[in-house]
Amino acid sequence: MAITQCRECGGKVSTGAVTCPHCGAPAPTADPQPEASLPQTPRTATPGKGKIECPYCHAIIKPMGKPAGCGTVLIALILLLFFIVPGVIYIIWESTRKACPRCLMTL
């Protein structure tokens, strides 16, 4: 394997590397592997609660994302009540006020 230079950061990258170890950019000569070339391992276990099975290597993993719970919904409602609703009320209140077009004093 040879050493090449990264196109993004200029660091040294092996031709066998998939990404640059310095900046994470794709390696200059890295070709993505097709799905058929991934090793197929036999299934050894079934996923537990909250876990999924990788369709390629059959590893059992925990998903990265987390569904929105009560805390997330509560925070969204608090933000809505304290910031958006008063802003709408202020805009409506300002639109009903009358002012003199010449001196801009409120009537």
N, C-alpha and C. Protein backbone atom coordinates (compact mmCIF):
# COMPACT_ATOMS: atom_id res chain seq x y z
N MET A 1 0.83 -1.18 0.00
CA MET A 1 0.00 0.00 0.00
C MET A 1 0.88 1.24 0.00
N ALA A 2 0.45 2.20 -0.78
CA ALA A 2 1.21 3.43 -0.91
C ALA A 2 0.57 4.53 -0.07
N ILE A 3 1.32 5.58 0.12
CA ILE A 3 0.85 6.76 0.86
C ILE A 3 0.58 7.86 -0.15
N THR A 4 -0.62 8.46 -0.08
CA THR A 4 -0.97 9.58 -0.95
C THR A 4 -1.30 10.79 -0.09
N GLN A 5 -1.58 11.89 -0.76
CA GLN A 5 -1.90 13.12 -0.05
C GLN A 5 -3.41 13.36 -0.12
N CYS A 6 -3.99 13.77 0.99
CA CYS A 6 -5.43 14.06 1.06
C CYS A 6 -5.74 15.31 0.24
N ARG A 7 -6.84 15.26 -0.51
CA ARG A 7 -7.24 16.42 -1.32
C ARG A 7 -7.77 17.56 -0.47
N GLU A 8 -8.31 17.25 0.70
CA GLU A 8 -8.92 18.28 1.55
C GLU A 8 -7.91 18.98 2.45
N CYS A 9 -7.17 18.17 3.26
CA CYS A 9 -6.30 18.80 4.26
C CYS A 9 -4.81 18.67 3.94
N GLY A 10 -4.45 17.85 2.95
CA GLY A 10 -3.05 17.70 2.58
C GLY A 10 -2.29 16.70 3.43
N GLY A 11 -2.98 16.02 4.36
CA GLY A 11 -2.33 15.03 5.22
C GLY A 11 -2.00 13.76 4.46
N LYS A 12 -1.19 12.90 5.08
CA LYS A 12 -0.80 11.64 4.46
C LYS A 12 -1.88 10.59 4.71
N VAL A 13 -2.28 9.91 3.62
CA VAL A 13 -3.34 8.91 3.68
C VAL A 13 -2.88 7.66 2.97
N SER A 14 -3.12 6.50 3.56
CA SER A 14 -2.80 5.23 2.92
C SER A 14 -3.80 4.98 1.80
N THR A 15 -3.37 4.31 0.73
CA THR A 15 -4.27 4.01 -0.38
C THR A 15 -5.31 2.96 0.03
N GLY A 16 -5.07 2.25 1.10
CA GLY A 16 -6.03 1.27 1.57
C GLY A 16 -7.07 1.87 2.50
N ALA A 17 -6.89 3.12 2.90
CA ALA A 17 -7.83 3.77 3.83
C ALA A 17 -9.08 4.21 3.08
N VAL A 18 -10.20 4.19 3.77
CA VAL A 18 -11.46 4.62 3.18
C VAL A 18 -11.62 6.13 3.34
N THR A 19 -11.17 6.66 4.49
CA THR A 19 -11.25 8.09 4.74
C THR A 19 -9.91 8.60 5.28
N CYS A 20 -9.73 9.89 5.22
CA CYS A 20 -8.52 10.52 5.75
C CYS A 20 -8.58 10.47 7.28
N PRO A 21 -7.51 10.01 7.96
CA PRO A 21 -7.54 9.96 9.42
C PRO A 21 -7.48 11.34 10.06
N HIS A 22 -7.12 12.37 9.31
CA HIS A 22 -6.98 13.71 9.87
C HIS A 22 -8.29 14.51 9.79
N CYS A 23 -8.94 14.47 8.60
CA CYS A 23 -10.14 15.31 8.41
C CYS A 23 -11.39 14.51 8.10
N GLY A 24 -11.29 13.23 7.81
CA GLY A 24 -12.46 12.40 7.55
C GLY A 24 -12.96 12.44 6.13
N ALA A 25 -12.26 13.16 5.24
CA ALA A 25 -12.68 13.22 3.84
C ALA A 25 -12.44 11.87 3.18
N PRO A 26 -13.21 11.53 2.14
CA PRO A 26 -12.97 10.27 1.44
C PRO A 26 -11.55 10.22 0.87
N ALA A 27 -10.93 9.06 0.99
CA ALA A 27 -9.56 8.90 0.48
C ALA A 27 -9.57 9.00 -1.04
N PRO A 28 -8.49 9.49 -1.64
CA PRO A 28 -8.46 9.70 -3.09
C PRO A 28 -8.71 8.44 -3.90
N THR A 29 -8.24 7.30 -3.43
CA THR A 29 -8.39 6.08 -4.22
C THR A 29 -9.39 5.12 -3.61
N ALA A 30 -10.13 5.56 -2.62
CA ALA A 30 -11.07 4.66 -1.96
C ALA A 30 -12.31 4.48 -2.82
N ASP A 31 -12.64 3.25 -3.14
CA ASP A 31 -13.85 2.93 -3.87
C ASP A 31 -14.82 2.31 -2.88
N PRO A 32 -16.06 2.79 -2.85
CA PRO A 32 -17.01 2.21 -1.92
C PRO A 32 -17.26 0.74 -2.27
N GLN A 33 -17.35 -0.09 -1.23
CA GLN A 33 -17.56 -1.50 -1.45
C GLN A 33 -19.03 -1.75 -1.77
N PRO A 34 -19.29 -2.59 -2.79
CA PRO A 34 -20.69 -2.93 -3.04
C PRO A 34 -21.22 -3.82 -1.93
N GLU A 35 -22.53 -3.82 -1.78
CA GLU A 35 -23.15 -4.57 -0.70
C GLU A 35 -22.84 -6.05 -0.77
N ALA A 36 -22.68 -6.58 -1.97
CA ALA A 36 -22.46 -8.02 -2.12
C ALA A 36 -21.10 -8.44 -1.58
N SER A 37 -20.14 -7.52 -1.50
CA SER A 37 -18.81 -7.89 -1.05
C SER A 37 -18.66 -7.84 0.47
N LEU A 38 -19.68 -7.37 1.19
CA LEU A 38 -19.59 -7.34 2.64
C LEU A 38 -19.68 -8.76 3.18
N PRO A 39 -18.94 -9.04 4.22
CA PRO A 39 -18.96 -10.40 4.74
C PRO A 39 -20.33 -10.74 5.33
N GLN A 40 -20.81 -11.89 4.99
CA GLN A 40 -22.09 -12.35 5.50
C GLN A 40 -21.84 -13.30 6.66
N THR A 41 -22.25 -12.89 7.85
CA THR A 41 -22.07 -13.73 9.03
C THR A 41 -23.42 -14.32 9.41
N PRO A 42 -23.41 -15.51 9.96
CA PRO A 42 -24.68 -16.10 10.35
C PRO A 42 -25.29 -15.37 11.54
N ARG A 43 -26.59 -15.41 11.62
CA ARG A 43 -27.28 -14.76 12.73
C ARG A 43 -27.07 -15.59 13.99
N THR A 44 -26.66 -14.90 15.04
CA THR A 44 -26.39 -15.61 16.29
C THR A 44 -27.39 -15.29 17.38
N ALA A 45 -28.04 -14.12 17.28
CA ALA A 45 -28.98 -13.73 18.32
C ALA A 45 -30.06 -12.86 17.71
N THR A 46 -31.13 -12.72 18.42
CA THR A 46 -32.20 -11.85 17.97
C THR A 46 -32.08 -10.52 18.71
N PRO A 47 -32.44 -9.42 18.07
CA PRO A 47 -32.33 -8.12 18.73
C PRO A 47 -33.26 -8.03 19.94
N GLY A 48 -32.77 -7.39 20.98
CA GLY A 48 -33.57 -7.16 22.17
C GLY A 48 -34.41 -5.91 22.02
N LYS A 49 -35.06 -5.51 23.09
CA LYS A 49 -35.91 -4.32 23.07
C LYS A 49 -35.08 -3.07 22.81
N GLY A 50 -35.49 -2.27 21.83
CA GLY A 50 -34.82 -1.03 21.52
C GLY A 50 -33.57 -1.19 20.68
N LYS A 51 -33.30 -2.39 20.19
CA LYS A 51 -32.11 -2.63 19.36
C LYS A 51 -32.55 -3.13 18.00
N ILE A 52 -31.67 -2.94 17.00
CA ILE A 52 -31.97 -3.40 15.65
C ILE A 52 -30.81 -4.23 15.13
N GLU A 53 -31.07 -4.97 14.07
CA GLU A 53 -30.05 -5.82 13.46
C GLU A 53 -29.57 -5.18 12.16
N CYS A 54 -28.25 -5.08 11.98
CA CYS A 54 -27.67 -4.54 10.76
C CYS A 54 -28.00 -5.49 9.61
N PRO A 55 -28.56 -4.97 8.49
CA PRO A 55 -28.90 -5.86 7.39
C PRO A 55 -27.68 -6.39 6.64
N TYR A 56 -26.52 -5.82 6.86
CA TYR A 56 -25.33 -6.24 6.13
C TYR A 56 -24.49 -7.25 6.90
N CYS A 57 -24.18 -6.95 8.15
CA CYS A 57 -23.30 -7.84 8.92
C CYS A 57 -24.03 -8.56 10.04
N HIS A 58 -25.31 -8.27 10.23
CA HIS A 58 -26.16 -8.89 11.23
C HIS A 58 -25.74 -8.60 12.67
N ALA A 59 -24.98 -7.53 12.87
CA ALA A 59 -24.63 -7.13 14.23
C ALA A 59 -25.85 -6.50 14.89
N ILE A 60 -26.00 -6.71 16.18
CA ILE A 60 -27.12 -6.14 16.91
C ILE A 60 -26.64 -4.82 17.52
N ILE A 61 -27.32 -3.73 17.14
CA ILE A 61 -26.89 -2.40 17.56
C ILE A 61 -28.05 -1.64 18.16
N LYS A 62 -27.71 -0.61 18.92
CA LYS A 62 -28.71 0.29 19.49
C LYS A 62 -28.81 1.50 18.56
N PRO A 63 -29.99 1.90 18.13
CA PRO A 63 -30.11 3.05 17.24
C PRO A 63 -29.58 4.32 17.89
N MET A 64 -29.08 5.22 17.05
CA MET A 64 -28.52 6.48 17.54
C MET A 64 -29.60 7.44 18.03
N GLY A 65 -30.72 7.52 17.32
CA GLY A 65 -31.76 8.48 17.66
C GLY A 65 -32.59 8.02 18.84
N LYS A 66 -33.28 8.97 19.43
CA LYS A 66 -34.14 8.68 20.57
C LYS A 66 -35.49 9.32 20.29
N PRO A 67 -36.58 8.58 20.46
CA PRO A 67 -37.88 9.19 20.19
C PRO A 67 -38.18 10.31 21.19
N ALA A 68 -38.98 11.25 20.74
CA ALA A 68 -39.34 12.38 21.60
C ALA A 68 -40.22 11.89 22.74
N GLY A 69 -39.84 12.22 23.94
CA GLY A 69 -40.60 11.83 25.11
C GLY A 69 -41.39 12.99 25.68
N CYS A 70 -41.89 12.80 26.88
CA CYS A 70 -42.69 13.84 27.54
C CYS A 70 -41.88 15.11 27.78
N GLY A 71 -40.60 14.96 28.12
CA GLY A 71 -39.76 16.13 28.39
C GLY A 71 -39.60 17.00 27.17
N THR A 72 -39.40 16.39 26.01
CA THR A 72 -39.22 17.14 24.77
C THR A 72 -40.50 17.88 24.41
N VAL A 73 -41.62 17.21 24.54
CA VAL A 73 -42.90 17.83 24.22
C VAL A 73 -43.19 18.97 25.19
N LEU A 74 -42.88 18.78 26.46
CA LEU A 74 -43.11 19.81 27.47
C LEU A 74 -42.26 21.05 27.19
N ILE A 75 -41.01 20.85 26.83
CA ILE A 75 -40.13 21.99 26.52
C ILE A 75 -40.65 22.74 25.29
N ALA A 76 -41.12 22.01 24.29
CA ALA A 76 -41.67 22.65 23.10
C ALA A 76 -42.90 23.49 23.44
N LEU A 77 -43.76 22.97 24.30
CA LEU A 77 -44.95 23.73 24.70
C LEU A 77 -44.59 24.98 25.51
N ILE A 78 -43.60 24.86 26.38
CA ILE A 78 -43.17 26.01 27.17
C ILE A 78 -42.61 27.10 26.26
N LEU A 79 -41.77 26.70 25.30
CA LEU A 79 -41.23 27.68 24.36
C LEU A 79 -42.33 28.34 23.55
N LEU A 80 -43.31 27.56 23.15
CA LEU A 80 -44.42 28.10 22.38
C LEU A 80 -45.20 29.12 23.20
N LEU A 81 -45.50 28.79 24.46
CA LEU A 81 -46.30 29.67 25.30
C LEU A 81 -45.56 30.95 25.69
N PHE A 82 -44.27 30.87 25.95
CA PHE A 82 -43.54 32.04 26.45
C PHE A 82 -42.92 32.92 25.38
N PHE A 83 -42.79 32.43 24.16
CA PHE A 83 -42.14 33.24 23.14
C PHE A 83 -43.03 33.52 21.94
N ILE A 84 -43.69 32.54 21.42
CA ILE A 84 -44.47 32.73 20.19
C ILE A 84 -45.80 33.43 20.48
N VAL A 85 -46.53 32.94 21.46
CA VAL A 85 -47.84 33.53 21.77
C VAL A 85 -47.71 35.01 22.16
N PRO A 86 -46.80 35.40 23.05
CA PRO A 86 -46.68 36.84 23.34
C PRO A 86 -46.28 37.67 22.12
N GLY A 87 -45.46 37.09 21.25
CA GLY A 87 -45.08 37.82 20.03
C GLY A 87 -46.27 38.07 19.13
N VAL A 88 -47.13 37.09 18.98
CA VAL A 88 -48.33 37.26 18.16
C VAL A 88 -49.26 38.29 18.80
N ILE A 89 -49.42 38.21 20.11
CA ILE A 89 -50.27 39.18 20.81
C ILE A 89 -49.72 40.60 20.63
N TYR A 90 -48.42 40.78 20.72
CA TYR A 90 -47.81 42.11 20.54
C TYR A 90 -48.04 42.63 19.12
N ILE A 91 -47.90 41.78 18.13
CA ILE A 91 -48.10 42.21 16.75
C ILE A 91 -49.54 42.64 16.53
N ILE A 92 -50.49 41.89 17.07
CA ILE A 92 -51.91 42.27 16.94
C ILE A 92 -52.17 43.58 17.67
N TRP A 93 -51.63 43.75 18.86
CA TRP A 93 -51.83 44.97 19.64
C TRP A 93 -51.25 46.18 18.90
N GLU A 94 -50.04 46.04 18.33
CA GLU A 94 -49.42 47.14 17.60
C GLU A 94 -50.22 47.50 16.36
N SER A 95 -50.83 46.53 15.71
CA SER A 95 -51.57 46.83 14.48
C SER A 95 -52.88 47.56 14.77
N THR A 96 -53.41 47.47 15.99
CA THR A 96 -54.66 48.17 16.32
C THR A 96 -54.42 49.57 16.85
N ARG A 97 -53.18 49.90 17.21
CA ARG A 97 -52.88 51.25 17.71
C ARG A 97 -52.91 52.24 16.56
N LYS A 98 -53.33 53.45 16.85
CA LYS A 98 -53.38 54.49 15.83
C LYS A 98 -52.34 55.56 16.16
N ALA A 99 -51.69 56.05 15.09
CA ALA A 99 -50.68 57.08 15.28
C ALA A 99 -50.86 58.14 14.20
N CYS A 100 -50.45 59.36 14.54
CA CYS A 100 -50.50 60.46 13.60
C CYS A 100 -49.44 60.23 12.52
N PRO A 101 -49.81 60.29 11.24
CA PRO A 101 -48.82 60.04 10.20
C PRO A 101 -47.73 61.10 10.10
N ARG A 102 -48.01 62.29 10.65
CA ARG A 102 -47.02 63.36 10.55
C ARG A 102 -45.99 63.31 11.68
N CYS A 103 -46.45 63.17 12.91
CA CYS A 103 -45.51 63.20 14.05
C CYS A 103 -45.32 61.83 14.69
N LEU A 104 -46.07 60.81 14.26
CA LEU A 104 -46.00 59.44 14.75
C LEU A 104 -46.33 59.31 16.24
N MET A 105 -47.07 60.26 16.77
CA MET A 105 -47.52 60.17 18.17
C MET A 105 -48.76 59.31 18.23
N THR A 106 -48.85 58.49 19.27
CA THR A 106 -50.00 57.61 19.44
C THR A 106 -51.21 58.41 19.83
N LEU A 107 -52.34 58.14 19.19
CA LEU A 107 -53.57 58.86 19.47
C LEU A 107 -54.38 58.16 20.52
